[in-house]
Amino acid sequence: MTQQDSDRREKCPLNIDSEAEAAGSEAVVVRVVDSLMAVDKTAFDACANPDPARFNPFVTHAFLEALEASGCVSAETGWLPQHLVLEDANGGIRGVLPAYLKSHSRGEFVFDNAWAAAYERVGGDYYPKLQIAVPFTPVPGPRLLVRPGEGAEECERLLAGAAIELASRMGVSSVHVTFLEKEPWERLGALGYLQRTDQQFHFTNPGYDSFEDFLGTLASRKRKALRKERAQALEAGLEITHVTGSDITQAHWDAFFRFYLDTSARKWGSPYLNREFFSLLAERMAERCLLVFASRQGKYVAGALNLVGGDCLYGRYWGAIEHHPCLHFELCYYQAIDYAIAHGLSRVEAGAQGQHKLARGYGPETTYSAHWIADPGLSQAVARYLNEERRHIERAKQVLNDYTPFRKGGSGQGGD
């Protein structure tokens, strides 16, 4: 963060009083806090994950605060926490909006670099901006975290308005809510946020009994191709091991972190996460972590990290120190499908991008983001662009659905 960014932060008052009232005629106030340590963990999690069946590990207090405690999220990394907390007259937390003042667009996976470049060409300052997201994590889920029940949508509306108010008071260019769920996305659109869509590839489990049951829904040549890839991945005598919960040791995290660094160096140049973050993750939510390792002659040569949700397995990071054909597919896609089926999870989300996932049983799914831009000229230009982009994303999804590996008329996720 620059000194100018720090000055803008200092000019922002700690309290944003809402003229509106939440359900039950209760006056509310929105506070801005610069650390999740200032937010009660139990109250936060009651807003973030009220339904255990749909538990999302990335919006837990434990996960988000570990990013702060490890220093991965900080002013120094360009992610300055500016969380909004909605409280009733008694100080009870009705909602939370994890938000960050950003001095760049890295680690978001919803790309607005072209918007920034266009604005800067005409003399505007696109950065800093206010980002409402799970840092470094392209996983759809709740973003405006509110307690369920009467008045929940009103609390959501107040948080969405408070984000714009905060951005206006700080003099920043825009507010971005990324990878939120469809219904809140529609409500933000009604409040004047610009609506954007994109696409990921997810595996859907309609209730398979086994991986073989899943293979049985594929067209014959696709089924043979998957079996060949799984065999090829292990040709060098590799063995696959799952490690989770209290069985995960610091030695396991050391091995995985080497793999993560290898992938980070190739994809981003420098890693978003440090070694301390993974230790904190293990300390706080090891029961939600699933490490899948490949070993050769007793030595780990590759690994993938997944987080287990209430109804979903979330594939996050992978890496390898040896190259083996198809090993990436095995560790990240097929092992994840195997695990989801065995544990009755309804889907696997394996990260951003990747049309290569289509042939491996992962179907196209729409993702959603919402954006508020202060400058009317830039806002109008982006709105025109997004109208066309949404149509393109929808057309692409319809086309891709015709290229899934499933048999026509079968019980899978699409046509052959």
Foldseek 3Di string as FASTA:
>chain_A
DDVLLVVLVVLFDQKDFDPDAFPPRWGKIKGWDQACVVPDQVLQCLQFPVDQLFFDVLSHSLQQRLCVVQPLAPVVVFWGWTKIFMATPVRRTFWIATKTFGFDPPQAQPDDVVLQVVQVVVPDHQPGEMEGDRGNAQAAGAGTGGRDDGRRVVSSVVVLVVRVVSCVSSVHFKYKYFRYDDVVLVVVVVVPWFKFKAKFWKFFCPQAQAVVSVLVQFDPVLSVVVVVLLCQQCVLPKDKDKAFAPRDDLVNLVVFVVFQQVVCCVPPNGDSDDSSSVVSCNVPCRNQWIKMFIDDPPHTFKIWIWGDGSQEIETDGIGGNDDGGSNCCVHQPVVRVRVNNVVVHGMYGRDDDDPVCQSVRIAMDMGMMTMDGDDPVSVVVVSVVRVVNVVVNVVVRVVSLQVHRGDVVGPGDHHD
